[in-house]
Protein backbone atom coordinates (compact mmCIF):
# COMPACT_ATOMS: atom_id res chain seq x y z
CA UNK A 1 24.33 14.38 32.33
CA UNK A 2 27.00 12.50 30.38
CA UNK A 3 26.26 12.21 26.69
CA UNK A 4 26.39 8.75 25.19
CA UNK A 5 28.51 8.30 22.10
CA UNK A 6 26.87 6.32 19.28
CA UNK A 7 28.21 5.16 15.93
CA UNK A 8 25.43 5.21 13.33
CA UNK A 9 26.18 3.35 10.11
CA UNK A 10 24.13 4.57 7.16
CA UNK A 11 22.39 7.90 6.57
CA UNK A 12 19.54 6.85 4.30
CA UNK A 13 15.77 7.10 4.81
CA UNK A 14 15.86 5.70 8.33
CA UNK A 15 19.40 6.60 9.39
CA UNK A 16 18.78 10.31 8.80
CA UNK A 17 15.88 10.32 11.25
CA UNK A 18 17.75 8.18 13.79
CA UNK A 19 20.54 10.78 13.80
CA UNK A 20 17.99 13.59 14.12
CA UNK A 21 16.09 11.96 16.99
CA UNK A 22 19.21 11.12 18.99
CA UNK A 23 20.81 14.52 18.50
CA UNK A 24 17.58 16.41 19.20
CA UNK A 25 17.20 14.57 22.54
CA UNK A 26 20.38 16.18 23.84
CA UNK A 27 21.54 12.87 25.29
CA UNK A 28 23.55 11.43 22.41
CA UNK A 29 26.66 12.39 20.49
CA UNK A 30 26.10 10.76 17.09
CA UNK A 31 28.91 9.87 14.68
CA UNK A 32 27.43 9.01 11.27
CA UNK A 33 29.52 6.90 8.89
CA UNK A 34 28.12 6.77 5.36
CA UNK A 35 29.22 6.19 1.76
CA UNK A 36 27.28 9.29 0.72
CA UNK A 37 27.73 12.21 3.09
CA UNK A 38 26.35 15.24 1.20
CA UNK A 39 22.68 14.76 2.13
CA UNK A 40 23.53 13.97 5.75
CA UNK A 41 25.70 17.09 6.07
CA UNK A 42 22.95 19.21 4.49
CA UNK A 43 20.42 17.78 6.97
CA UNK A 44 22.71 18.55 9.92
CA UNK A 45 23.07 22.14 8.73
CA UNK A 46 19.36 22.66 7.91
CA UNK A 47 18.09 21.30 11.24
CA UNK A 48 20.94 22.70 13.34
CA UNK A 49 21.88 19.29 14.75
CA UNK A 50 24.66 20.18 17.17
CA UNK A 51 25.51 16.65 18.26
CA UNK A 52 26.01 14.96 14.87
CA UNK A 53 29.34 14.37 13.12
CA UNK A 54 29.24 13.00 9.58
CA UNK A 55 32.22 11.27 8.00
CA UNK A 56 32.81 9.11 4.87
CA UNK A 57 32.89 5.36 5.49
CA UNK A 58 32.45 2.24 3.39
CA UNK A 59 30.98 -0.15 5.96
CA UNK A 60 31.83 -3.11 3.72
CA UNK A 61 35.53 -2.22 3.94
CA UNK A 62 36.58 -4.36 6.90
CA UNK A 63 39.81 -2.47 7.63
CA UNK A 64 38.11 0.91 7.54
CA UNK A 65 35.21 -0.24 9.71
CA UNK A 66 37.57 -1.97 12.15
CA UNK A 67 39.48 1.27 12.62
CA UNK A 68 36.30 3.17 13.43
CA UNK A 69 34.82 0.49 15.71
CA UNK A 70 38.05 0.20 17.67
CA UNK A 71 38.03 3.95 18.36
CA UNK A 72 41.20 4.63 16.38
CA UNK A 73 39.65 7.28 14.14
CA UNK A 74 39.77 9.91 16.87
CA UNK A 75 36.24 9.49 18.20
CA UNK A 76 37.24 7.08 20.95
CA UNK A 77 35.16 4.16 22.24
CA UNK A 78 31.47 4.08 21.40
CA UNK A 79 28.69 3.18 23.84
CA UNK A 80 26.75 1.58 20.98
CA UNK A 81 26.67 0.99 17.25
CA UNK A 82 23.41 1.23 15.29
CA UNK A 83 23.36 -0.32 11.83
CA UNK A 84 21.00 1.39 9.41
CA UNK A 85 22.66 -0.54 6.57
CA UNK A 86 21.14 -3.11 4.20
CA UNK A 87 20.76 -6.46 5.97
CA UNK A 88 23.69 -8.12 4.16
CA UNK A 89 26.16 -5.64 5.70
CA UNK A 90 25.29 -6.49 9.29
CA UNK A 91 27.30 -9.68 9.79
CA UNK A 92 30.58 -7.75 9.57
CA UNK A 93 29.27 -5.00 11.87
CA UNK A 94 28.19 -7.61 14.43
CA UNK A 95 31.57 -9.39 14.23
CA UNK A 96 33.44 -6.18 15.00
CA UNK A 97 30.96 -5.18 17.72
CA UNK A 98 31.74 -8.51 19.41
CA UNK A 99 35.48 -8.02 18.91
CA UNK A 100 35.42 -4.63 20.65
CA UNK A 101 32.46 -5.35 22.96
CA UNK A 102 30.35 -2.47 21.67
CA UNK A 103 26.58 -2.64 22.24
CA UNK A 104 24.95 -3.55 18.90
CA UNK A 105 21.51 -2.68 17.44
CA UNK A 106 20.19 -3.21 13.92
CA UNK A 107 17.03 -3.12 11.78
CA UNK A 108 17.49 -6.41 9.94
CA UNK A 109 14.53 -8.51 8.83
CA UNK A 110 16.83 -11.28 7.61
CA UNK A 111 16.60 -14.54 9.57
CA UNK A 112 20.12 -15.68 8.65
CA UNK A 113 21.69 -12.41 9.76
CA UNK A 114 19.84 -12.59 13.08
CA UNK A 115 21.15 -16.11 13.69
CA UNK A 116 24.67 -14.88 12.96
CA UNK A 117 24.25 -12.02 15.45
CA UNK A 118 22.99 -14.50 18.05
CA UNK A 119 26.03 -16.72 17.51
CA UNK A 120 28.65 -13.96 17.74
CA UNK A 121 27.06 -12.60 20.92
CA UNK A 122 27.85 -15.76 22.90
CA UNK A 123 30.30 -15.10 25.70
CA UNK A 124 30.34 -11.32 25.07
CA UNK A 125 29.35 -8.92 27.84
CA UNK A 126 27.93 -6.22 25.55
CA UNK A 127 24.35 -6.24 24.23
CA UNK A 128 23.35 -7.60 20.82
CA UNK A 129 19.81 -6.60 19.89
CA UNK A 130 18.89 -7.10 16.22
CA UNK A 131 15.48 -6.55 14.54
CA UNK A 132 14.75 -3.27 16.37
CA UNK A 133 12.50 -1.60 13.81
CA UNK A 134 8.77 -1.91 13.17
CA UNK A 135 8.41 -5.50 11.94
CA UNK A 136 10.37 -7.25 13.22
CA UNK A 137 10.62 -5.06 16.27
CA UNK A 138 7.72 -3.12 17.73
CA UNK A 139 5.16 -5.65 16.44
CA UNK A 140 6.80 -8.37 18.60
CA UNK A 141 6.64 -6.14 21.67
CA UNK A 142 2.92 -5.54 21.11
CA UNK A 143 2.18 -9.24 20.54
CA UNK A 144 4.13 -10.28 23.62
CA UNK A 145 2.26 -7.70 25.72
CA UNK A 146 -1.12 -9.10 24.60
CA UNK A 147 0.00 -12.70 25.08
CA UNK A 148 0.81 -12.10 28.74
CA UNK A 149 -2.91 -11.55 29.38
CA UNK A 150 -3.71 -15.23 28.65
CA UNK A 151 -3.09 -18.41 30.63
CA UNK A 152 -3.31 -20.52 27.46
CA UNK A 153 -2.56 -18.98 24.04
CA UNK A 154 -4.31 -20.44 21.01
CA UNK A 155 -3.64 -18.05 18.13
CA UNK A 156 -1.43 -15.02 17.41
CA UNK A 157 -1.85 -12.95 14.24
CA UNK A 158 0.60 -10.13 13.52
CA UNK A 159 -0.06 -7.80 10.57
CA UNK A 160 1.79 -4.66 9.47
CA UNK A 161 1.50 -2.45 6.40
CA UNK A 162 3.40 0.65 5.31
CA UNK A 163 1.32 2.14 2.51
CA UNK A 164 0.82 5.31 0.48
CA UNK A 165 -2.31 7.18 1.55
CA UNK A 166 -3.20 7.86 -2.09
CA UNK A 167 -1.96 4.97 -4.29
CA UNK A 168 -2.03 5.59 -8.04
CA UNK A 169 0.03 2.86 -9.72
CA UNK A 170 -0.57 -0.80 -10.61
CA UNK A 171 1.24 -2.04 -7.49
CA UNK A 172 -0.73 0.40 -5.29
CA UNK A 173 2.50 0.99 -3.42
CA UNK A 174 5.34 3.45 -2.85
CA UNK A 175 8.95 2.71 -1.90
CA UNK A 176 8.87 3.90 1.67
CA UNK A 177 12.02 2.12 2.91
CA UNK A 178 14.87 -0.19 1.80
CA UNK A 179 14.23 -1.81 -1.60
CA UNK A 180 16.70 -4.58 -0.72
CA UNK A 181 14.79 -5.27 2.48
CA UNK A 182 11.46 -5.29 0.66
CA UNK A 183 12.63 -7.83 -1.94
CA UNK A 184 14.20 -9.92 0.81
CA UNK A 185 10.89 -10.09 2.68
CA UNK A 186 8.95 -10.98 -0.49
CA UNK A 187 11.39 -13.64 -1.66
CA UNK A 188 12.74 -15.49 1.37
CA UNK A 189 11.30 -18.38 3.35
CA UNK A 190 8.87 -17.38 6.10
CA UNK A 191 8.37 -19.11 9.45
CA UNK A 192 5.47 -19.57 11.80
CA UNK A 193 3.75 -22.03 14.13
CA UNK A 194 0.95 -24.29 12.85
CA UNK A 195 -0.75 -26.97 14.99
CA UNK A 196 1.90 -26.37 17.63
CA UNK A 197 4.80 -27.04 15.27
CA UNK A 198 7.48 -24.62 14.04
CA UNK A 199 7.10 -24.62 10.24
CA UNK A 200 8.51 -23.00 7.11
CA UNK A 201 6.01 -21.09 4.98
CA UNK A 202 6.16 -19.80 1.41
CA UNK A 203 6.38 -16.02 0.88
CA UNK A 204 3.44 -14.35 -0.91
CA UNK A 205 1.14 -17.23 0.17
CA UNK A 206 -1.40 -17.42 3.01
CA UNK A 207 -3.58 -14.81 1.32
CA UNK A 208 -6.35 -13.18 3.36
CA UNK A 209 -8.27 -9.90 3.52
CA UNK A 210 -8.68 -7.52 6.47
CA UNK A 211 -11.00 -4.53 6.89
CA UNK A 212 -9.85 -1.68 9.15
CA UNK A 213 -11.96 1.47 9.56
CA UNK A 214 -13.99 0.47 6.51
CA UNK A 215 -10.95 0.07 4.22
CA UNK A 216 -10.19 -3.33 2.65
CA UNK A 217 -6.61 -4.64 2.73
CA UNK A 218 -4.98 -7.88 1.69
CA UNK A 219 -2.35 -9.71 3.73
CA UNK A 220 0.13 -12.46 2.84
CA UNK A 221 3.23 -14.19 4.19
CA UNK A 222 6.49 -12.25 4.19
CA UNK A 223 9.81 -13.18 5.76
CA UNK A 224 11.29 -12.00 9.04
CA UNK A 225 8.37 -10.14 10.65
CA UNK A 226 7.97 -12.54 13.58
CA UNK A 227 11.47 -11.90 14.84
CA UNK A 228 12.32 -14.35 17.63
CA UNK A 229 8.76 -14.84 18.94
CA UNK A 230 8.46 -18.29 17.36
CA UNK A 231 11.49 -19.52 19.27
CA UNK A 232 10.41 -17.82 22.49
CA UNK A 233 6.94 -19.43 22.43
CA UNK A 234 7.80 -22.70 20.64
CA UNK A 235 5.58 -25.51 21.94
CA UNK A 236 3.25 -23.09 23.76
CA UNK A 237 0.95 -21.91 20.94
CA UNK A 238 -1.24 -23.62 18.35
CA UNK A 239 -0.92 -20.96 15.63
CA UNK A 240 1.33 -17.93 15.14
CA UNK A 241 2.06 -16.06 11.91
CA UNK A 242 3.10 -12.73 10.47
CA UNK A 243 1.77 -11.17 7.26
CA UNK A 244 2.31 -7.92 5.42
CA UNK A 245 -0.72 -5.75 4.61
CA UNK A 246 -1.20 -4.12 1.21
CA UNK A 247 -4.03 -2.73 -0.90
CA UNK A 248 -5.90 -5.47 -2.84
CA UNK A 249 -4.14 -6.46 -6.07
CA UNK A 250 -0.57 -5.86 -4.91
CA UNK A 251 0.23 -9.50 -4.13
CA UNK A 252 -0.91 -10.67 -7.60
CA UNK A 253 1.38 -8.16 -9.34
CA UNK A 254 4.37 -9.00 -7.13
CA UNK A 255 3.86 -12.72 -7.81
CA UNK A 256 3.98 -11.96 -11.52
CA UNK A 257 7.28 -10.13 -11.14
CA UNK A 258 8.98 -12.45 -8.68
CA UNK A 259 7.66 -15.89 -9.60
CA UNK A 260 6.30 -15.94 -13.14
CA UNK A 261 8.95 -13.59 -14.56
CA UNK A 262 11.49 -15.22 -12.19
CA UNK A 263 12.92 -11.95 -10.97
CA UNK A 264 13.34 -13.43 -7.50
CA UNK A 265 16.32 -15.15 -9.15
CA UNK A 266 17.62 -11.78 -10.44
CA UNK A 267 17.05 -9.40 -7.56
CA UNK A 268 19.41 -6.74 -8.91
CA UNK A 269 17.20 -6.34 -11.98
CA UNK A 270 14.04 -6.34 -9.85
CA UNK A 271 15.53 -3.62 -7.65
CA UNK A 272 16.30 -1.44 -10.69
CA UNK A 273 12.76 -1.92 -12.04
CA UNK A 274 11.11 -1.01 -8.74
CA UNK A 275 13.29 2.02 -8.04
CA UNK A 276 12.83 3.34 -11.58
CA UNK A 277 9.07 2.84 -11.75
CA UNK A 278 7.71 3.19 -8.20
CA UNK A 279 7.79 6.67 -6.63
CA UNK A 280 8.67 7.53 -3.05
CA UNK A 281 6.25 9.48 -0.86
CA UNK A 282 6.02 11.22 2.49
CA UNK A 283 2.23 10.80 2.42
CA UNK A 284 2.11 7.32 3.90
CA UNK A 285 0.43 5.47 6.73
CA UNK A 286 1.69 2.59 8.90
CA UNK A 287 -0.93 0.04 9.93
CA UNK A 288 -0.30 -2.19 12.95
CA UNK A 289 -2.72 -5.00 13.75
CA UNK A 290 -2.26 -7.78 16.32
CA UNK A 291 -4.87 -10.33 17.39
CA UNK A 292 -4.33 -12.87 20.19
CA UNK A 293 -6.88 -15.50 21.19
CA UNK A 294 -6.74 -17.92 24.09
CA UNK A 295 -8.07 -18.81 27.51
CA UNK A 296 -8.20 -16.31 30.35
CA UNK A 297 -9.98 -17.05 33.64
CA UNK A 298 -11.73 -20.03 32.08
CA UNK A 299 -13.05 -18.15 29.05
CA UNK A 300 -12.01 -18.27 25.39
CA UNK A 301 -11.27 -14.61 24.55
CA UNK A 302 -9.58 -12.45 21.94
CA UNK A 303 -7.56 -9.25 22.48
CA UNK A 304 -6.65 -6.85 19.65
CA UNK A 305 -4.22 -3.99 19.12
CA UNK A 306 -4.91 -1.68 16.17
CA UNK A 307 -3.00 1.51 15.40
CA UNK A 308 -2.43 3.83 12.47
CA UNK A 309 0.63 6.09 12.44
CA UNK A 310 0.87 9.04 10.05
CA UNK A 311 3.79 11.32 9.05
CA UNK A 312 5.01 13.56 11.86
CA UNK A 313 7.14 16.66 12.26
CA UNK A 314 10.32 16.12 14.27
CA UNK A 315 13.00 18.78 14.80
CA UNK A 316 11.17 21.07 12.37
CA UNK A 317 11.03 18.59 9.48
CA UNK A 318 8.24 16.33 8.21
CA UNK A 319 9.10 12.62 8.21
CA UNK A 320 7.14 9.73 6.70
CA UNK A 321 5.30 7.32 9.00
CA UNK A 322 7.64 4.42 8.12
CA UNK A 323 10.63 6.59 9.02
CA UNK A 324 9.00 7.61 12.30
CA UNK A 325 7.94 4.11 13.38
CA UNK A 326 11.24 2.46 12.41
CA UNK A 327 13.54 5.09 13.90
CA UNK A 328 11.38 5.33 17.03
CA UNK A 329 11.62 1.55 17.44
CA UNK A 330 15.41 1.33 17.37
CA UNK A 331 16.08 4.54 19.30
CA UNK A 332 13.73 3.55 22.11
CA UNK A 333 15.14 0.00 22.25
CA UNK A 334 18.69 1.30 22.58
CA UNK A 335 17.70 3.97 25.11
CA UNK A 336 15.91 1.44 27.32
CA UNK A 337 18.77 -1.07 27.16
CA UNK A 338 21.48 1.51 27.92
CA UNK A 339 19.40 2.89 30.81
CA UNK A 340 19.15 -0.63 32.29
CA UNK A 341 22.65 -2.01 31.76
CA UNK A 342 22.37 -4.24 34.83
CA UNK A 343 19.37 -5.99 33.26
CA UNK A 344 20.65 -6.63 29.74
CA UNK A 345 23.68 -8.43 28.30
CA UNK A 346 24.41 -10.75 25.40
CA UNK A 347 21.69 -11.52 22.85
CA UNK A 348 18.46 -9.60 23.58
CA UNK A 349 15.12 -10.30 21.92
CA UNK A 350 12.57 -7.59 21.19
CA UNK A 351 10.09 -9.20 23.54
CA UNK A 352 12.54 -8.61 26.42
CA UNK A 353 11.29 -4.99 26.43
CA UNK A 354 7.72 -4.21 27.51
CA UNK A 355 5.18 -2.14 25.59
CA UNK A 356 4.85 0.27 28.54
CA UNK A 357 8.60 0.83 28.52
CA UNK A 358 8.53 1.72 24.83
CA UNK A 359 5.49 4.01 24.84
CA UNK A 360 6.73 5.89 27.93
CA UNK A 361 10.23 6.30 26.45
CA UNK A 362 11.25 9.67 24.98
CA UNK A 363 11.78 8.05 21.55
CA UNK A 364 8.96 5.52 21.75
CA UNK A 365 6.38 8.22 22.45
CA UNK A 366 5.51 8.34 18.73
CA UNK A 367 3.79 4.96 19.23
CA UNK A 368 1.87 6.10 22.30
């Protein structure tokens, strides 16, 4: 079996597990470009990852990235590039992926970046699949799977939370993934469908409570989680929205920081505050909740999907649930697309892949 060659940009919380999963599968030769290489090299040595090469790269340096993407750094042409970088780095990566017709996958939650990726993919034969993580990403695949069971869809609710199992601070939260991505979701305009119309919604609004397995959670609007579902089903649904789940009290404290103290206007300061004060943890849980209501065979019915994912051991190392769900999402998406090259080209939405395809995939099995 020929090994696929992948360029992975970023070796942080998620990138490190992506590299581990791909290498451990035996089907991918992974070249990891990162500003900081020490931790990645230590990981490769500790886990005995035989198909991972780590090299220094500033992905915001256009000339340096161009050289790598074009295959001039000695690695040759890549089958795909995965961006595990902060969302604001992805426009350049997408531009160069289009230039060299390299299949492109990212984890962005940013609506503007996704639109840019969609635009640069026009007329290009390679695949451009952004938003391949958990939310946006897997949550869209689940929702689309449930929606196919109805002849008429009335309401779609999508809820996701990545939370510490044992919260012990005022925010009742731990920094389980990108701080930049978190602030972006809390501070940017949200979108949804209300009364059949595509609408803009305010972040941190739309407050509600949800009880799962006897535990009370709150949920509120955050940006980006719907992915492209709104556009795919525009004019076909009465109500569709995405909200982030947290322990009660979190939203009030975040509103104080972002709105009343106006730190949404000074995100660099907010990032420093959060990273200094809020601890990281491997003891987390990912909550996934989707509810779809509509008409099926003449009846008004509701279908639900509820799942909790906990930390798991992969390649002899324990990884947090947010690492597992996010890395599993993008690795399975890429694997499915590359295995079905005759089916996919250009801009690909998450809902183009089925739930069965993901859960039966060697990387998507962690959702099964």
